[in-house]
Each structure stands twice: as C-alpha cells, then as structure tokens.
Amino acid sequence: MSRIKTASEIRKYGGKGEIIEIPNLIALQLNAYEEFLKPNVPPTERTGGLEAIISEVFPIQSYDKTLALEYLGYELGRPRYTPDECRSLRLTY
C-alpha cells in the first residue's frame, strides 16, 4: 500500500530557470546557407563553400582527352514562389 507524500518530501526540478540561453537555430541555418552558397559575392571572388567543391571536380576530361567539360560559375535567381505561397501550394521552398 502506497502512502501520499507530504509537501516536504516532494522535489521540484523545474523551478531552476534557464541555465543557458537557447540560440536562434533558424539564424544558424540561414548563416550556414549564406556561407555555403555566397549568393551576394561576385563569382570571381568566391573562394569557399559550393564554389570550392565544384572547382575540385572540374574540368572533367574524356578518357582520350579530346573533350573537356569546364565549370564557369553558378548564378542563383530569385525564387518563383514565396514561402507562404509554397505552403499553400504544398511545394518546397
């Protein structure tokens, strides 16, 4: 048979408050995205991120070295839909 605990026997662990401030996780993701793509940096001045990854692979040459596929740069355009329009149309943004 169990007995009911008194107020002095009950421990409360939820009243300590926040120990550390919770970071803005969306800002972390957006900053990482900006650093990876560097959309506002001119193509000739991009050094890291996606530019570095693509530059490692190119140029791609054929086995007999008669043809080569070269990488010139990438350009990001404006999205077709806003985030709210994507939600209503059930599309990804």
PDB file of N, CA and C in Angstrom:
ATOM      1  N   MET A   1       0.846  -1.170   0.000  1.00  0.00           N
ATOM      2  CA  MET A   1       0.000   0.000   0.000  1.00  0.00           C
ATOM      3  C   MET A   1       0.894   1.236   0.000  1.00  0.00           C
ATOM      4  N   SER A   2       0.657   2.164  -0.924  1.00  0.00           N
ATOM      5  CA  SER A   2       1.485   3.366  -1.020  1.00  0.00           C
ATOM      6  C   SER A   2       0.866   4.485  -0.210  1.00  0.00           C
ATOM      7  N   ARG A   3       1.737   5.322   0.291  1.00  0.00           N
ATOM      8  CA  ARG A   3       1.225   6.445   1.066  1.00  0.00           C
ATOM      9  C   ARG A   3       1.448   7.731   0.277  1.00  0.00           C
ATOM     10  N   ILE A   4       0.714   8.756   0.546  1.00  0.00           N
ATOM     11  CA  ILE A   4       0.819  10.038  -0.135  1.00  0.00           C
ATOM     12  C   ILE A   4       1.990  10.814   0.455  1.00  0.00           C
ATOM     13  N   LYS A   5       2.812  11.392  -0.429  1.00  0.00           N
ATOM     14  CA  LYS A   5       3.969  12.157   0.029  1.00  0.00           C
ATOM     15  C   LYS A   5       3.527  13.528   0.532  1.00  0.00           C
ATOM     16  N   THR A   6       4.205  14.012   1.515  1.00  0.00           N
ATOM     17  CA  THR A   6       3.913  15.340   2.041  1.00  0.00           C
ATOM     18  C   THR A   6       4.668  16.375   1.206  1.00  0.00           C
ATOM     19  N   ALA A   7       4.351  17.658   1.436  1.00  0.00           N
ATOM     20  CA  ALA A   7       4.967  18.741   0.673  1.00  0.00           C
ATOM     21  C   ALA A   7       6.470  18.792   0.887  1.00  0.00           C
ATOM     22  N   SER A   8       6.961  18.401   2.047  1.00  0.00           N
ATOM     23  CA  SER A   8       8.397  18.444   2.299  1.00  0.00           C
ATOM     24  C   SER A   8       9.129  17.297   1.610  1.00  0.00           C
ATOM     25  N   GLU A   9       8.425  16.257   1.228  1.00  0.00           N
ATOM     26  CA  GLU A   9       9.032  15.113   0.554  1.00  0.00           C
ATOM     27  C   GLU A   9       9.038  15.249  -0.966  1.00  0.00           C
ATOM     28  N   ILE A  10       8.246  16.165  -1.522  1.00  0.00           N
ATOM     29  CA  ILE A  10       8.143  16.326  -2.970  1.00  0.00           C
ATOM     30  C   ILE A  10       9.271  17.225  -3.459  1.00  0.00           C
ATOM     31  N   ARG A  11      10.009  16.778  -4.454  1.00  0.00           N
ATOM     32  CA  ARG A  11      11.103  17.553  -5.035  1.00  0.00           C
ATOM     33  C   ARG A  11      10.650  18.144  -6.364  1.00  0.00           C
ATOM     34  N   LYS A  12      10.970  19.398  -6.570  1.00  0.00           N
ATOM     35  CA  LYS A  12      10.624  20.080  -7.810  1.00  0.00           C
ATOM     36  C   LYS A  12      11.909  20.428  -8.536  1.00  0.00           C
ATOM     37  N   TYR A  13      12.055  19.931  -9.742  1.00  0.00           N
ATOM     38  CA  TYR A  13      13.258  20.174 -10.530  1.00  0.00           C
ATOM     39  C   TYR A  13      13.040  21.200 -11.641  1.00  0.00           C
ATOM     40  N   GLY A  14      11.826  21.609 -11.867  1.00  0.00           N
ATOM     41  CA  GLY A  14      11.532  22.516 -12.963  1.00  0.00           C
ATOM     42  C   GLY A  14      11.662  23.985 -12.621  1.00  0.00           C
ATOM     43  N   GLY A  15      11.929  24.342 -11.399  1.00  0.00           N
ATOM     44  CA  GLY A  15      11.959  25.742 -10.998  1.00  0.00           C
ATOM     45  C   GLY A  15      13.329  26.384 -11.017  1.00  0.00           C
ATOM     46  N   LYS A  16      14.307  25.783 -11.632  1.00  0.00           N
ATOM     47  CA  LYS A  16      15.665  26.323 -11.636  1.00  0.00           C
ATOM     48  C   LYS A  16      15.857  27.443 -12.643  1.00  0.00           C
ATOM     49  N   GLY A  17      15.005  27.544 -13.629  1.00  0.00           N
ATOM     50  CA  GLY A  17      15.175  28.561 -14.667  1.00  0.00           C
ATOM     51  C   GLY A  17      16.100  28.060 -15.761  1.00  0.00           C
ATOM     52  N   GLU A  18      16.340  28.914 -16.735  1.00  0.00           N
ATOM     53  CA  GLU A  18      17.210  28.526 -17.839  1.00  0.00           C
ATOM     54  C   GLU A  18      18.669  28.593 -17.409  1.00  0.00           C
ATOM     55  N   ILE A  19      19.425  27.585 -17.773  1.00  0.00           N
ATOM     56  CA  ILE A  19      20.842  27.560 -17.443  1.00  0.00           C
ATOM     57  C   ILE A  19      21.641  28.268 -18.527  1.00  0.00           C
ATOM     58  N   ILE A  20      21.318  27.992 -19.800  1.00  0.00           N
ATOM     59  CA  ILE A  20      21.969  28.687 -20.909  1.00  0.00           C
ATOM     60  C   ILE A  20      20.881  29.244 -21.819  1.00  0.00           C
ATOM     61  N   GLU A  21      21.241  30.282 -22.533  1.00  0.00           N
ATOM     62  CA  GLU A  21      20.294  30.869 -23.469  1.00  0.00           C
ATOM     63  C   GLU A  21      20.202  29.986 -24.714  1.00  0.00           C
ATOM     64  N   ILE A  22      19.004  29.755 -25.182  1.00  0.00           N
ATOM     65  CA  ILE A  22      18.796  28.925 -26.370  1.00  0.00           C
ATOM     66  C   ILE A  22      19.142  29.752 -27.603  1.00  0.00           C
ATOM     67  N   PRO A  23      20.038  29.260 -28.453  1.00  0.00           N
ATOM     68  CA  PRO A  23      20.416  30.036 -29.639  1.00  0.00           C
ATOM     69  C   PRO A  23      19.287  30.060 -30.664  1.00  0.00           C
ATOM     70  N   ASN A  24      19.325  31.056 -31.504  1.00  0.00           N
ATOM     71  CA  ASN A  24      18.354  31.162 -32.590  1.00  0.00           C
ATOM     72  C   ASN A  24      18.760  30.150 -33.657  1.00  0.00           C
ATOM     73  N   LEU A  25      18.111  29.003 -33.672  1.00  0.00           N
ATOM     74  CA  LEU A  25      18.507  27.911 -34.564  1.00  0.00           C
ATOM     75  C   LEU A  25      18.243  28.229 -36.032  1.00  0.00           C
ATOM     76  N   ILE A  26      17.240  29.004 -36.306  1.00  0.00           N
ATOM     77  CA  ILE A  26      16.960  29.377 -37.690  1.00  0.00           C
ATOM     78  C   ILE A  26      18.071  30.293 -38.208  1.00  0.00           C
ATOM     79  N   ALA A  27      18.541  31.199 -37.362  1.00  0.00           N
ATOM     80  CA  ALA A  27      19.628  32.089 -37.775  1.00  0.00           C
ATOM     81  C   ALA A  27      20.893  31.285 -38.052  1.00  0.00           C
ATOM     82  N   LEU A  28      21.142  30.243 -37.269  1.00  0.00           N
ATOM     83  CA  LEU A  28      22.303  29.391 -37.515  1.00  0.00           C
ATOM     84  C   LEU A  28      22.212  28.724 -38.881  1.00  0.00           C
ATOM     85  N   GLN A  29      21.041  28.219 -39.221  1.00  0.00           N
ATOM     86  CA  GLN A  29      20.842  27.571 -40.515  1.00  0.00           C
ATOM     87  C   GLN A  29      20.986  28.563 -41.666  1.00  0.00           C
ATOM     88  N   LEU A  30      20.390  29.747 -41.503  1.00  0.00           N
ATOM     89  CA  LEU A  30      20.471  30.753 -42.567  1.00  0.00           C
ATOM     90  C   LEU A  30      21.905  31.226 -42.774  1.00  0.00           C
ATOM     91  N   ASN A  31      22.639  31.407 -41.688  1.00  0.00           N
ATOM     92  CA  ASN A  31      24.046  31.828 -41.810  1.00  0.00           C
ATOM     93  C   ASN A  31      24.887  30.753 -42.501  1.00  0.00           C
ATOM     94  N   ALA A  32      24.642  29.490 -42.169  1.00  0.00           N
ATOM     95  CA  ALA A  32      25.382  28.401 -42.811  1.00  0.00           C
ATOM     96  C   ALA A  32      25.051  28.335 -44.300  1.00  0.00           C
ATOM     97  N   TYR A  33      23.792  28.541 -44.649  1.00  0.00           N
ATOM     98  CA  TYR A  33      23.364  28.549 -46.047  1.00  0.00           C
ATOM     99  C   TYR A  33      24.047  29.684 -46.811  1.00  0.00           C
ATOM    100  N   GLU A  34      24.055  30.877 -46.222  1.00  0.00           N
ATOM    101  CA  GLU A  34      24.700  32.030 -46.850  1.00  0.00           C
ATOM    102  C   GLU A  34      26.191  31.787 -47.033  1.00  0.00           C
ATOM    103  N   GLU A  35      26.825  31.203 -46.031  1.00  0.00           N
ATOM    104  CA  GLU A  35      28.278  30.954 -46.108  1.00  0.00           C
ATOM    105  C   GLU A  35      28.592  29.889 -47.155  1.00  0.00           C
ATOM    106  N   PHE A  36      27.709  28.913 -47.318  1.00  0.00           N
ATOM    107  CA  PHE A  36      27.937  27.846 -48.292  1.00  0.00           C
ATOM    108  C   PHE A  36      27.741  28.335 -49.719  1.00  0.00           C
ATOM    109  N   LEU A  37      26.648  29.056 -49.988  1.00  0.00           N
ATOM    110  CA  LEU A  37      26.341  29.480 -51.358  1.00  0.00           C
ATOM    111  C   LEU A  37      26.981  30.806 -51.753  1.00  0.00           C
ATOM    112  N   LYS A  38      27.160  31.700 -50.796  1.00  0.00           N
ATOM    113  CA  LYS A  38      27.702  33.044 -51.048  1.00  0.00           C
ATOM    114  C   LYS A  38      26.978  33.714 -52.218  1.00  0.00           C
ATOM    115  N   PRO A  39      25.648  33.866 -52.108  1.00  0.00           N
ATOM    116  CA  PRO A  39      24.888  34.408 -53.239  1.00  0.00           C
ATOM    117  C   PRO A  39      25.165  35.880 -53.526  1.00  0.00           C
ATOM    118  N   ASN A  40      25.640  36.634 -52.542  1.00  0.00           N
ATOM    119  CA  ASN A  40      25.873  38.064 -52.740  1.00  0.00           C
ATOM    120  C   ASN A  40      27.321  38.396 -53.088  1.00  0.00           C
ATOM    121  N   VAL A  41      28.143  37.380 -53.278  1.00  0.00           N
ATOM    122  CA  VAL A  41      29.551  37.578 -53.633  1.00  0.00           C
ATOM    123  C   VAL A  41      29.688  37.367 -55.140  1.00  0.00           C
ATOM    124  N   PRO A  42      30.376  38.253 -55.834  1.00  0.00           N
ATOM    125  CA  PRO A  42      30.570  38.055 -57.287  1.00  0.00           C
ATOM    126  C   PRO A  42      31.279  36.730 -57.570  1.00  0.00           C
ATOM    127  N   PRO A  43      30.934  36.056 -58.663  1.00  0.00           N
ATOM    128  CA  PRO A  43      31.519  34.742 -58.968  1.00  0.00           C
ATOM    129  C   PRO A  43      33.041  34.719 -58.995  1.00  0.00           C
ATOM    130  N   THR A  44      33.672  35.807 -59.404  1.00  0.00           N
ATOM    131  CA  THR A  44      35.135  35.821 -59.471  1.00  0.00           C
ATOM    132  C   THR A  44      35.789  35.922 -58.103  1.00  0.00           C
ATOM    133  N   GLU A  45      35.024  36.315 -57.074  1.00  0.00           N
ATOM    134  CA  GLU A  45      35.580  36.485 -55.729  1.00  0.00           C
ATOM    135  C   GLU A  45      35.209  35.362 -54.769  1.00  0.00           C
ATOM    136  N   ARG A  46      34.429  34.396 -55.207  1.00  0.00           N
ATOM    137  CA  ARG A  46      34.043  33.274 -54.342  1.00  0.00           C
ATOM    138  C   ARG A  46      35.226  32.329 -54.185  1.00  0.00           C
ATOM    139  N   THR A  47      35.508  31.938 -52.938  1.00  0.00           N
ATOM    140  CA  THR A  47      36.634  31.035 -52.713  1.00  0.00           C
ATOM    141  C   THR A  47      36.228  29.754 -52.000  1.00  0.00           C
ATOM    142  N   GLY A  48      35.272  29.778 -51.117  1.00  0.00           N
ATOM    143  CA  GLY A  48      34.920  28.580 -50.355  1.00  0.00           C
ATOM    144  C   GLY A  48      33.521  28.102 -50.674  1.00  0.00           C
ATOM    145  N   GLY A  49      33.018  27.209 -49.859  1.00  0.00           N
ATOM    146  CA  GLY A  49      31.657  26.724 -49.994  1.00  0.00           C
ATOM    147  C   GLY A  49      31.435  25.888 -51.238  1.00  0.00           C
ATOM    148  N   LEU A  50      30.302  26.110 -51.878  1.00  0.00           N
ATOM    149  CA  LEU A  50      29.928  25.356 -53.069  1.00  0.00           C
ATOM    150  C   LEU A  50      30.935  25.564 -54.204  1.00  0.00           C
ATOM    151  N   GLU A  51      31.446  26.769 -54.317  1.00  0.00           N
ATOM    152  CA  GLU A  51      32.423  27.068 -55.372  1.00  0.00           C
ATOM    153  C   GLU A  51      33.656  26.172 -55.235  1.00  0.00           C
ATOM    154  N   ALA A  52      34.145  25.989 -54.029  1.00  0.00           N
ATOM    155  CA  ALA A  52      35.332  25.156 -53.803  1.00  0.00           C
ATOM    156  C   ALA A  52      35.053  23.695 -54.123  1.00  0.00           C
ATOM    157  N   ILE A  53      33.863  23.227 -53.778  1.00  0.00           N
ATOM    158  CA  ILE A  53      33.507  21.828 -54.039  1.00  0.00           C
ATOM    159  C   ILE A  53      33.434  21.571 -55.545  1.00  0.00           C
ATOM    160  N   ILE A  54      32.772  22.462 -56.261  1.00  0.00           N
ATOM    161  CA  ILE A  54      32.633  22.275 -57.707  1.00  0.00           C
ATOM    162  C   ILE A  54      33.992  22.417 -58.405  1.00  0.00           C
ATOM    163  N   SER A  55      34.798  23.343 -57.941  1.00  0.00           N
ATOM    164  CA  SER A  55      36.113  23.564 -58.572  1.00  0.00           C
ATOM    165  C   SER A  55      37.041  22.365 -58.416  1.00  0.00           C
ATOM    166  N   GLU A  56      36.837  21.564 -57.368  1.00  0.00           N
ATOM    167  CA  GLU A  56      37.658  20.357 -57.187  1.00  0.00           C
ATOM    168  C   GLU A  56      37.389  19.317 -58.264  1.00  0.00           C
ATOM    169  N   VAL A  57      36.166  19.276 -58.757  1.00  0.00           N
ATOM    170  CA  VAL A  57      35.750  18.243 -59.706  1.00  0.00           C
ATOM    171  C   VAL A  57      36.088  18.616 -61.149  1.00  0.00           C
ATOM    172  N   PHE A  58      35.979  19.884 -61.479  1.00  0.00           N
ATOM    173  CA  PHE A  58      36.174  20.338 -62.858  1.00  0.00           C
ATOM    174  C   PHE A  58      37.607  20.756 -63.106  1.00  0.00           C
ATOM    175  N   PRO A  59      38.095  20.711 -64.308  1.00  0.00           N
ATOM    176  CA  PRO A  59      37.455  20.251 -65.540  1.00  0.00           C
ATOM    177  C   PRO A  59      37.384  18.721 -65.600  1.00  0.00           C
ATOM    178  N   ILE A  60      36.355  18.232 -66.247  1.00  0.00           N
ATOM    179  CA  ILE A  60      36.182  16.799 -66.469  1.00  0.00           C
ATOM    180  C   ILE A  60      36.592  16.517 -67.913  1.00  0.00           C
ATOM    181  N   GLN A  61      37.529  15.606 -68.075  1.00  0.00           N
ATOM    182  CA  GLN A  61      38.029  15.289 -69.411  1.00  0.00           C
ATOM    183  C   GLN A  61      37.622  13.880 -69.829  1.00  0.00           C
ATOM    184  N   SER A  62      37.471  13.711 -71.140  1.00  0.00           N
ATOM    185  CA  SER A  62      37.163  12.379 -71.668  1.00  0.00           C
ATOM    186  C   SER A  62      38.397  11.488 -71.521  1.00  0.00           C
ATOM    187  N   TYR A  63      38.183  10.198 -71.652  1.00  0.00           N
ATOM    188  CA  TYR A  63      39.286   9.252 -71.451  1.00  0.00           C
ATOM    189  C   TYR A  63      40.428   9.468 -72.428  1.00  0.00           C
ATOM    190  N   ASP A  64      40.102   9.941 -73.659  1.00  0.00           N
ATOM    191  CA  ASP A  64      41.171  10.171 -74.637  1.00  0.00           C
ATOM    192  C   ASP A  64      41.626  11.634 -74.673  1.00  0.00           C
ATOM    193  N   LYS A  65      41.121  12.435 -73.757  1.00  0.00           N
ATOM    194  CA  LYS A  65      41.494  13.845 -73.578  1.00  0.00           C
ATOM    195  C   LYS A  65      41.182  14.717 -74.793  1.00  0.00           C
ATOM    196  N   THR A  66      40.182  14.311 -75.572  1.00  0.00           N
ATOM    197  CA  THR A  66      39.789  15.132 -76.717  1.00  0.00           C
ATOM    198  C   THR A  66      38.652  16.098 -76.358  1.00  0.00           C
ATOM    199  N   LEU A  67      37.914  15.789 -75.314  1.00  0.00           N
ATOM    200  CA  LEU A  67      36.811  16.637 -74.881  1.00  0.00           C
ATOM    201  C   LEU A  67      36.987  16.981 -73.403  1.00  0.00           C
ATOM    202  N   ALA A  68      36.549  18.170 -73.052  1.00  0.00           N
ATOM    203  CA  ALA A  68      36.615  18.588 -71.646  1.00  0.00           C
ATOM    204  C   ALA A  68      35.366  19.387 -71.305  1.00  0.00           C
ATOM    205  N   LEU A  69      34.862  19.164 -70.106  1.00  0.00           N
ATOM    206  CA  LEU A  69      33.721  19.914 -69.593  1.00  0.00           C
ATOM    207  C   LEU A  69      34.254  20.844 -68.514  1.00  0.00           C
ATOM    208  N   GLU A  70      34.126  22.142 -68.745  1.00  0.00           N
ATOM    209  CA  GLU A  70      34.673  23.126 -67.818  1.00  0.00           C
ATOM    210  C   GLU A  70      33.554  23.814 -67.056  1.00  0.00           C
ATOM    211  N   TYR A  71      33.862  24.231 -65.854  1.00  0.00           N
ATOM    212  CA  TYR A  71      32.929  24.935 -64.980  1.00  0.00           C
ATOM    213  C   TYR A  71      33.246  26.424 -65.034  1.00  0.00           C
ATOM    214  N   LEU A  72      32.233  27.232 -65.320  1.00  0.00           N
ATOM    215  CA  LEU A  72      32.418  28.684 -65.399  1.00  0.00           C
ATOM    216  C   LEU A  72      31.944  29.397 -64.135  1.00  0.00           C
ATOM    217  N   GLY A  73      30.873  28.950 -63.541  1.00  0.00           N
ATOM    218  CA  GLY A  73      30.339  29.579 -62.337  1.00  0.00           C
ATOM    219  C   GLY A  73      28.869  29.253 -62.173  1.00  0.00           C
ATOM    220  N   TYR A  74      28.331  29.636 -61.043  1.00  0.00           N
ATOM    221  CA  TYR A  74      26.900  29.428 -60.819  1.00  0.00           C
ATOM    222  C   TYR A  74      26.249  30.755 -60.481  1.00  0.00           C
ATOM    223  N   GLU A  75      24.966  30.812 -60.763  1.00  0.00           N
ATOM    224  CA  GLU A  75      24.191  32.024 -60.523  1.00  0.00           C
ATOM    225  C   GLU A  75      22.860  31.606 -59.901  1.00  0.00           C
ATOM    226  N   LEU A  76      22.479  32.267 -58.837  1.00  0.00           N
ATOM    227  CA  LEU A  76      21.216  31.964 -58.170  1.00  0.00           C
ATOM    228  C   LEU A  76      20.194  33.039 -58.522  1.00  0.00           C
ATOM    229  N   GLY A  77      19.060  32.607 -59.012  1.00  0.00           N
ATOM    230  CA  GLY A  77      17.989  33.545 -59.333  1.00  0.00           C
ATOM    231  C   GLY A  77      17.028  33.691 -58.169  1.00  0.00           C
ATOM    232  N   ARG A  78      16.041  34.514 -58.360  1.00  0.00           N
ATOM    233  CA  ARG A  78      15.028  34.705 -57.320  1.00  0.00           C
ATOM    234  C   ARG A  78      14.069  33.519 -57.333  1.00  0.00           C
ATOM    235  N   PRO A  79      13.581  33.110 -56.170  1.00  0.00           N
ATOM    236  CA  PRO A  79      12.618  32.005 -56.136  1.00  0.00           C
ATOM    237  C   PRO A  79      11.304  32.387 -56.818  1.00  0.00           C
ATOM    238  N   ARG A  80      10.674  31.401 -57.402  1.00  0.00           N
ATOM    239  CA  ARG A  80       9.421  31.636 -58.116  1.00  0.00           C
ATOM    240  C   ARG A  80       8.290  31.985 -57.150  1.00  0.00           C
ATOM    241  N   TYR A  81       8.249  31.291 -56.001  1.00  0.00           N
ATOM    242  CA  TYR A  81       7.185  31.498 -55.028  1.00  0.00           C
ATOM    243  C   TYR A  81       7.763  31.923 -53.683  1.00  0.00           C
ATOM    244  N   THR A  82       6.960  32.632 -52.898  1.00  0.00           N
ATOM    245  CA  THR A  82       7.355  32.987 -51.533  1.00  0.00           C
ATOM    246  C   THR A  82       7.143  31.771 -50.633  1.00  0.00           C
ATOM    247  N   PRO A  83       7.704  31.776 -49.418  1.00  0.00           N
ATOM    248  CA  PRO A  83       7.467  30.647 -48.516  1.00  0.00           C
ATOM    249  C   PRO A  83       5.979  30.412 -48.222  1.00  0.00           C
ATOM    250  N   ASP A  84       5.204  31.486 -48.062  1.00  0.00           N
ATOM    251  CA  ASP A  84       3.768  31.327 -47.799  1.00  0.00           C
ATOM    252  C   ASP A  84       3.038  30.720 -48.999  1.00  0.00           C
ATOM    253  N   GLU A  85       3.405  31.139 -50.206  1.00  0.00           N
ATOM    254  CA  GLU A  85       2.797  30.559 -51.409  1.00  0.00           C
ATOM    255  C   GLU A  85       3.154  29.078 -51.526  1.00  0.00           C
ATOM    256  N   CYS A  86       4.384  28.729 -51.174  1.00  0.00           N
ATOM    257  CA  CYS A  86       4.787  27.315 -51.222  1.00  0.00           C
ATOM    258  C   CYS A  86       3.980  26.473 -50.242  1.00  0.00           C
ATOM    259  N   ARG A  87       3.739  27.036 -49.050  1.00  0.00           N
ATOM    260  CA  ARG A  87       2.929  26.285 -48.078  1.00  0.00           C
ATOM    261  C   ARG A  87       1.516  26.069 -48.594  1.00  0.00           C
ATOM    262  N   SER A  88       0.929  27.109 -49.176  1.00  0.00           N
ATOM    263  CA  SER A  88      -0.443  26.965 -49.668  1.00  0.00           C
ATOM    264  C   SER A  88      -0.529  26.049 -50.877  1.00  0.00           C
ATOM    265  N   LEU A  89       0.525  26.023 -51.706  1.00  0.00           N
ATOM    266  CA  LEU A  89       0.546  25.156 -52.886  1.00  0.00           C
ATOM    267  C   LEU A  89       1.144  23.782 -52.597  1.00  0.00           C
ATOM    268  N   ARG A  90       1.579  23.585 -51.350  1.00  0.00           N
ATOM    269  CA  ARG A  90       2.205  22.331 -50.904  1.00  0.00           C
ATOM    270  C   ARG A  90       3.461  22.009 -51.723  1.00  0.00           C
ATOM    271  N   LEU A  91       4.297  23.041 -51.895  1.00  0.00           N
ATOM    272  CA  LEU A  91       5.571  22.900 -52.603  1.00  0.00           C
ATOM    273  C   LEU A  91       6.714  23.114 -51.630  1.00  0.00           C
ATOM    274  N   THR A  92       7.906  22.732 -52.030  1.00  0.00           N
ATOM    275  CA  THR A  92       9.089  23.036 -51.222  1.00  0.00           C
ATOM    276  C   THR A  92       9.596  24.407 -51.605  1.00  0.00           C
ATOM    277  N   TYR A  93      10.323  25.039 -50.708  1.00  0.00           N
ATOM    278  CA  TYR A  93      10.843  26.390 -50.971  1.00  0.00           C
ATOM    279  C   TYR A  93      12.321  26.316 -51.220  1.00  0.00           C
TER     280      TYR A  93
END
